[in-house]
Amino acid sequence: MSARRCVMTASAMGLLYTTWPDAQSAETAAEAVLAEGLCACVNILGESRSLFRWEGEMRSEREIIALFKTSAGKASALSDRIARLHPYDEPCIIDLAVSPEGSSDGFLAWVRGEAGARPG
């Protein structure tokens, strides 16, 4: 049996997966981080159902998923800002780093241009 190796590569962009209690809170956060130049685009998806354990109990809640697309260099700052804007005590913010091979060159250039040029 051969050993598996995990090879770390530099990410080309950040794709932050987040969940929100409602569309309005997701949209408010999206508008704020877009205005601040922390991301290039936010997709606010329809309602989903989340099943999870919270404080020892099984829960089922309706939530909204929002995907934030940003440059690799701004992913950490974007994550921190989303956490400050989020109404949950422990928000779901997961950076699904995208490798250079994981997206088209043109799209990556657009994201970097929109989320990489401004200070923030």
N, C-alpha and C. Protein backbone atom coordinates (compact mmCIF):
# COMPACT_ATOMS: atom_id res chain seq x y z
N MET A 1 0.85 -1.17 0.00
CA MET A 1 0.00 0.00 0.00
C MET A 1 0.89 1.24 0.00
N SER A 2 0.65 2.15 -0.91
CA SER A 2 1.48 3.35 -0.99
C SER A 2 0.95 4.43 -0.05
N ALA A 3 1.87 5.22 0.45
CA ALA A 3 1.50 6.31 1.36
C ALA A 3 0.95 7.47 0.55
N ARG A 4 -0.05 8.11 1.10
CA ARG A 4 -0.60 9.31 0.46
C ARG A 4 0.20 10.52 0.89
N ARG A 5 0.35 11.44 -0.04
CA ARG A 5 1.04 12.69 0.27
C ARG A 5 0.10 13.85 0.01
N CYS A 6 0.09 14.75 0.92
CA CYS A 6 -0.68 15.97 0.75
C CYS A 6 0.28 17.04 0.26
N VAL A 7 0.03 17.57 -0.91
CA VAL A 7 0.89 18.60 -1.47
C VAL A 7 0.17 19.94 -1.35
N MET A 8 0.79 20.86 -0.65
CA MET A 8 0.20 22.19 -0.49
C MET A 8 0.60 23.05 -1.68
N THR A 9 -0.38 23.69 -2.28
CA THR A 9 -0.10 24.63 -3.36
C THR A 9 -0.66 25.98 -2.98
N ALA A 10 -0.08 27.00 -3.54
CA ALA A 10 -0.57 28.35 -3.26
C ALA A 10 -1.96 28.50 -3.86
N SER A 11 -2.85 29.12 -3.12
CA SER A 11 -4.18 29.32 -3.66
C SER A 11 -4.20 30.57 -4.53
N ALA A 12 -5.03 30.53 -5.54
CA ALA A 12 -5.17 31.64 -6.47
C ALA A 12 -6.26 32.59 -6.03
N MET A 13 -7.26 32.04 -5.33
CA MET A 13 -8.35 32.87 -4.84
C MET A 13 -9.02 32.18 -3.67
N GLY A 14 -9.75 32.94 -2.90
CA GLY A 14 -10.51 32.38 -1.79
C GLY A 14 -11.99 32.33 -2.15
N LEU A 15 -12.62 31.24 -1.81
CA LEU A 15 -14.07 31.08 -1.96
C LEU A 15 -14.58 30.77 -0.56
N LEU A 16 -15.21 31.74 0.08
CA LEU A 16 -15.66 31.56 1.45
C LEU A 16 -17.12 31.12 1.46
N TYR A 17 -17.33 29.93 2.02
CA TYR A 17 -18.67 29.35 2.18
C TYR A 17 -19.18 29.81 3.54
N THR A 18 -20.37 30.41 3.55
CA THR A 18 -20.95 30.89 4.80
C THR A 18 -22.43 30.55 4.86
N THR A 19 -22.96 30.47 6.07
CA THR A 19 -24.41 30.30 6.25
C THR A 19 -24.94 31.44 7.10
N TRP A 20 -26.20 31.82 6.84
CA TRP A 20 -26.83 32.98 7.46
C TRP A 20 -28.25 32.63 7.90
N PRO A 21 -28.77 33.32 8.91
CA PRO A 21 -30.13 33.01 9.36
C PRO A 21 -31.21 33.45 8.38
N ASP A 22 -30.90 34.44 7.52
CA ASP A 22 -31.89 34.93 6.57
C ASP A 22 -31.18 35.66 5.43
N ALA A 23 -31.92 35.89 4.36
CA ALA A 23 -31.34 36.53 3.18
C ALA A 23 -30.93 37.97 3.47
N GLN A 24 -31.68 38.67 4.30
CA GLN A 24 -31.36 40.08 4.57
C GLN A 24 -30.01 40.23 5.26
N SER A 25 -29.71 39.39 6.24
CA SER A 25 -28.41 39.51 6.92
C SER A 25 -27.27 39.15 5.97
N ALA A 26 -27.48 38.17 5.09
CA ALA A 26 -26.46 37.81 4.10
C ALA A 26 -26.24 38.96 3.13
N GLU A 27 -27.33 39.58 2.67
CA GLU A 27 -27.22 40.67 1.71
C GLU A 27 -26.57 41.91 2.33
N THR A 28 -26.91 42.20 3.56
CA THR A 28 -26.30 43.35 4.25
C THR A 28 -24.79 43.17 4.37
N ALA A 29 -24.36 41.97 4.76
CA ALA A 29 -22.93 41.69 4.86
C ALA A 29 -22.27 41.74 3.48
N ALA A 30 -22.93 41.18 2.48
CA ALA A 30 -22.38 41.18 1.12
C ALA A 30 -22.16 42.61 0.63
N GLU A 31 -23.15 43.46 0.82
CA GLU A 31 -23.02 44.85 0.37
C GLU A 31 -21.87 45.56 1.09
N ALA A 32 -21.71 45.28 2.37
CA ALA A 32 -20.64 45.92 3.14
C ALA A 32 -19.26 45.51 2.63
N VAL A 33 -19.02 44.21 2.48
CA VAL A 33 -17.68 43.77 2.08
C VAL A 33 -17.38 44.10 0.62
N LEU A 34 -18.41 44.14 -0.22
CA LEU A 34 -18.20 44.57 -1.61
C LEU A 34 -17.81 46.05 -1.64
N ALA A 35 -18.50 46.87 -0.86
CA ALA A 35 -18.20 48.30 -0.81
C ALA A 35 -16.79 48.56 -0.27
N GLU A 36 -16.33 47.68 0.63
CA GLU A 36 -15.00 47.82 1.23
C GLU A 36 -13.89 47.23 0.35
N GLY A 37 -14.25 46.63 -0.77
CA GLY A 37 -13.26 46.05 -1.67
C GLY A 37 -12.65 44.76 -1.18
N LEU A 38 -13.33 44.07 -0.26
CA LEU A 38 -12.79 42.82 0.27
C LEU A 38 -13.12 41.61 -0.58
N CYS A 39 -14.06 41.73 -1.50
CA CYS A 39 -14.37 40.63 -2.39
C CYS A 39 -14.87 41.16 -3.73
N ALA A 40 -14.91 40.27 -4.71
CA ALA A 40 -15.33 40.65 -6.06
C ALA A 40 -16.79 40.33 -6.31
N CYS A 41 -17.31 39.32 -5.62
CA CYS A 41 -18.65 38.82 -5.93
C CYS A 41 -19.17 38.03 -4.74
N VAL A 42 -20.48 38.07 -4.55
CA VAL A 42 -21.13 37.23 -3.54
C VAL A 42 -22.35 36.58 -4.19
N ASN A 43 -22.44 35.26 -4.09
CA ASN A 43 -23.63 34.54 -4.53
C ASN A 43 -24.45 34.20 -3.30
N ILE A 44 -25.68 34.71 -3.24
CA ILE A 44 -26.58 34.39 -2.14
C ILE A 44 -27.56 33.35 -2.68
N LEU A 45 -27.44 32.15 -2.17
CA LEU A 45 -28.24 31.03 -2.66
C LEU A 45 -29.55 30.93 -1.91
N GLY A 46 -30.44 30.12 -2.41
CA GLY A 46 -31.74 29.93 -1.78
C GLY A 46 -31.64 29.25 -0.43
N GLU A 47 -32.78 29.13 0.17
CA GLU A 47 -32.87 28.54 1.51
C GLU A 47 -32.41 27.09 1.50
N SER A 48 -31.71 26.71 2.56
CA SER A 48 -31.28 25.33 2.76
C SER A 48 -31.68 24.91 4.17
N ARG A 49 -31.58 23.64 4.44
CA ARG A 49 -31.84 23.15 5.78
C ARG A 49 -30.54 22.61 6.34
N SER A 50 -30.19 23.07 7.53
CA SER A 50 -28.99 22.61 8.21
C SER A 50 -29.38 21.74 9.40
N LEU A 51 -28.80 20.58 9.47
CA LEU A 51 -28.98 19.67 10.60
C LEU A 51 -27.65 19.64 11.35
N PHE A 52 -27.69 19.88 12.66
CA PHE A 52 -26.44 19.97 13.41
C PHE A 52 -26.69 19.76 14.89
N ARG A 53 -25.60 19.53 15.62
CA ARG A 53 -25.66 19.45 17.07
C ARG A 53 -25.24 20.79 17.63
N TRP A 54 -25.97 21.31 18.59
CA TRP A 54 -25.64 22.58 19.24
C TRP A 54 -25.93 22.44 20.72
N GLU A 55 -24.89 22.63 21.52
CA GLU A 55 -25.00 22.53 22.97
C GLU A 55 -25.67 21.22 23.40
N GLY A 56 -25.22 20.12 22.75
CA GLY A 56 -25.67 18.78 23.11
C GLY A 56 -27.01 18.36 22.53
N GLU A 57 -27.65 19.20 21.75
CA GLU A 57 -28.96 18.86 21.19
C GLU A 57 -28.93 18.87 19.67
N MET A 58 -29.72 17.97 19.07
CA MET A 58 -29.88 17.97 17.61
C MET A 58 -30.76 19.14 17.22
N ARG A 59 -30.35 19.86 16.17
CA ARG A 59 -31.11 21.01 15.69
C ARG A 59 -31.35 20.89 14.19
N SER A 60 -32.39 21.50 13.73
CA SER A 60 -32.70 21.61 12.31
C SER A 60 -33.16 23.04 12.07
N GLU A 61 -32.42 23.77 11.25
CA GLU A 61 -32.73 25.18 11.01
C GLU A 61 -32.69 25.49 9.52
N ARG A 62 -33.50 26.44 9.11
CA ARG A 62 -33.44 26.97 7.75
C ARG A 62 -32.33 28.02 7.73
N GLU A 63 -31.49 27.95 6.71
CA GLU A 63 -30.40 28.92 6.58
C GLU A 63 -30.22 29.30 5.11
N ILE A 64 -29.53 30.40 4.91
CA ILE A 64 -29.16 30.88 3.59
C ILE A 64 -27.66 30.65 3.42
N ILE A 65 -27.26 30.15 2.27
CA ILE A 65 -25.84 29.97 1.96
C ILE A 65 -25.38 31.15 1.12
N ALA A 66 -24.24 31.71 1.47
CA ALA A 66 -23.63 32.78 0.67
C ALA A 66 -22.18 32.40 0.39
N LEU A 67 -21.78 32.56 -0.86
CA LEU A 67 -20.42 32.27 -1.31
C LEU A 67 -19.74 33.59 -1.67
N PHE A 68 -18.64 33.88 -1.00
CA PHE A 68 -17.89 35.12 -1.21
C PHE A 68 -16.62 34.79 -1.99
N LYS A 69 -16.41 35.47 -3.12
CA LYS A 69 -15.23 35.23 -3.96
C LYS A 69 -14.26 36.39 -3.79
N THR A 70 -13.02 36.06 -3.45
CA THR A 70 -12.02 37.10 -3.18
C THR A 70 -10.64 36.66 -3.65
N SER A 71 -9.70 37.58 -3.63
CA SER A 71 -8.31 37.24 -3.94
C SER A 71 -7.73 36.47 -2.76
N ALA A 72 -6.72 35.65 -3.03
CA ALA A 72 -6.09 34.87 -1.97
C ALA A 72 -5.56 35.77 -0.86
N GLY A 73 -5.03 36.92 -1.23
CA GLY A 73 -4.46 37.83 -0.25
C GLY A 73 -5.46 38.50 0.66
N LYS A 74 -6.73 38.52 0.28
CA LYS A 74 -7.75 39.16 1.11
C LYS A 74 -8.67 38.17 1.82
N ALA A 75 -8.45 36.88 1.63
CA ALA A 75 -9.34 35.88 2.22
C ALA A 75 -9.40 35.98 3.74
N SER A 76 -8.27 36.16 4.38
CA SER A 76 -8.24 36.24 5.85
C SER A 76 -8.96 37.50 6.35
N ALA A 77 -8.69 38.64 5.72
CA ALA A 77 -9.36 39.89 6.12
C ALA A 77 -10.86 39.80 5.87
N LEU A 78 -11.25 39.17 4.77
CA LEU A 78 -12.67 38.99 4.47
C LEU A 78 -13.33 38.10 5.52
N SER A 79 -12.67 37.01 5.88
CA SER A 79 -13.20 36.11 6.90
C SER A 79 -13.41 36.84 8.23
N ASP A 80 -12.42 37.63 8.62
CA ASP A 80 -12.53 38.41 9.87
C ASP A 80 -13.69 39.40 9.81
N ARG A 81 -13.85 40.06 8.67
CA ARG A 81 -14.92 41.06 8.53
C ARG A 81 -16.29 40.40 8.54
N ILE A 82 -16.42 39.26 7.86
CA ILE A 82 -17.69 38.53 7.87
C ILE A 82 -18.04 38.13 9.30
N ALA A 83 -17.06 37.66 10.05
CA ALA A 83 -17.30 37.26 11.45
C ALA A 83 -17.83 38.43 12.27
N ARG A 84 -17.30 39.63 12.04
CA ARG A 84 -17.77 40.80 12.79
C ARG A 84 -19.18 41.22 12.37
N LEU A 85 -19.53 41.01 11.12
CA LEU A 85 -20.85 41.39 10.62
C LEU A 85 -21.93 40.34 10.93
N HIS A 86 -21.51 39.13 11.24
CA HIS A 86 -22.43 37.99 11.35
C HIS A 86 -23.22 38.01 12.65
N PRO A 87 -24.52 37.68 12.59
CA PRO A 87 -25.33 37.66 13.81
C PRO A 87 -25.12 36.42 14.70
N TYR A 88 -24.56 35.34 14.17
CA TYR A 88 -24.36 34.13 14.96
C TYR A 88 -23.18 34.28 15.92
N ASP A 89 -23.25 33.59 17.06
CA ASP A 89 -22.12 33.54 17.99
C ASP A 89 -20.93 32.80 17.37
N GLU A 90 -21.21 31.72 16.67
CA GLU A 90 -20.18 30.90 16.02
C GLU A 90 -20.55 30.72 14.56
N PRO A 91 -20.29 31.70 13.71
CA PRO A 91 -20.69 31.58 12.31
C PRO A 91 -19.87 30.56 11.53
N CYS A 92 -20.52 29.96 10.55
CA CYS A 92 -19.84 29.05 9.63
C CYS A 92 -19.17 29.90 8.56
N ILE A 93 -17.85 29.93 8.57
CA ILE A 93 -17.06 30.64 7.56
C ILE A 93 -15.93 29.69 7.17
N ILE A 94 -16.01 29.12 5.99
CA ILE A 94 -15.03 28.13 5.54
C ILE A 94 -14.38 28.64 4.26
N ASP A 95 -13.05 28.77 4.28
CA ASP A 95 -12.32 29.21 3.09
C ASP A 95 -11.98 27.98 2.25
N LEU A 96 -12.65 27.87 1.12
CA LEU A 96 -12.38 26.80 0.17
C LEU A 96 -11.39 27.35 -0.85
N ALA A 97 -10.12 27.34 -0.49
CA ALA A 97 -9.08 27.93 -1.34
C ALA A 97 -9.09 27.29 -2.72
N VAL A 98 -9.02 28.11 -3.75
CA VAL A 98 -9.05 27.65 -5.13
C VAL A 98 -7.63 27.70 -5.69
N SER A 99 -7.17 26.57 -6.21
CA SER A 99 -5.83 26.50 -6.80
C SER A 99 -5.83 27.23 -8.15
N PRO A 100 -4.65 27.56 -8.65
CA PRO A 100 -4.59 28.21 -9.97
C PRO A 100 -5.25 27.39 -11.07
N GLU A 101 -5.24 26.07 -10.93
CA GLU A 101 -5.86 25.20 -11.92
C GLU A 101 -7.36 25.07 -11.70
N GLY A 102 -7.88 25.60 -10.59
CA GLY A 102 -9.27 25.41 -10.22
C GLY A 102 -10.25 26.40 -10.82
N SER A 103 -9.77 27.32 -11.63
CA SER A 103 -10.66 28.30 -12.25
C SER A 103 -10.02 28.82 -13.53
N SER A 104 -10.82 29.44 -14.37
CA SER A 104 -10.28 29.99 -15.62
C SER A 104 -9.39 31.19 -15.33
N ASP A 105 -8.41 31.40 -16.18
CA ASP A 105 -7.48 32.52 -16.01
C ASP A 105 -8.22 33.85 -16.03
N GLY A 106 -9.17 33.99 -16.92
CA GLY A 106 -9.92 35.25 -17.03
C GLY A 106 -10.72 35.56 -15.78
N PHE A 107 -11.36 34.54 -15.20
CA PHE A 107 -12.14 34.75 -13.99
C PHE A 107 -11.23 35.11 -12.82
N LEU A 108 -10.11 34.41 -12.69
CA LEU A 108 -9.16 34.72 -11.62
C LEU A 108 -8.63 36.14 -11.75
N ALA A 109 -8.35 36.56 -12.98
CA ALA A 109 -7.86 37.92 -13.20
C ALA A 109 -8.92 38.94 -12.78
N TRP A 110 -10.18 38.66 -13.08
CA TRP A 110 -11.26 39.57 -12.69
C TRP A 110 -11.37 39.65 -11.17
N VAL A 111 -11.36 38.50 -10.48
CA VAL A 111 -11.45 38.49 -9.01
C VAL A 111 -10.28 39.26 -8.42
N ARG A 112 -9.08 38.98 -8.90
CA ARG A 112 -7.89 39.69 -8.38
C ARG A 112 -7.99 41.19 -8.63
N GLY A 113 -8.51 41.57 -9.79
CA GLY A 113 -8.65 42.98 -10.10
C GLY A 113 -9.66 43.68 -9.20
N GLU A 114 -10.76 43.01 -8.91
CA GLU A 114 -11.80 43.61 -8.08
C GLU A 114 -11.48 43.56 -6.59
N ALA A 115 -10.85 42.47 -6.15
CA ALA A 115 -10.61 42.29 -4.71
C ALA A 115 -9.15 42.47 -4.33
N GLY A 116 -8.30 42.71 -5.29
CA GLY A 116 -6.89 42.82 -4.97
C GLY A 116 -6.31 44.21 -5.11
N ALA A 117 -7.00 45.06 -5.84
CA ALA A 117 -6.44 46.37 -6.15
C ALA A 117 -6.61 47.39 -5.04
N ARG A 118 -7.67 47.28 -4.29
CA ARG A 118 -7.96 48.27 -3.26
C ARG A 118 -7.34 47.87 -1.94
N PRO A 119 -6.96 48.82 -1.12
CA PRO A 119 -6.46 48.46 0.22
C PRO A 119 -7.59 47.89 1.05
N GLY A 120 -7.24 47.06 2.01
CA GLY A 120 -8.29 46.52 2.85
C GLY A 120 -7.90 45.27 3.45
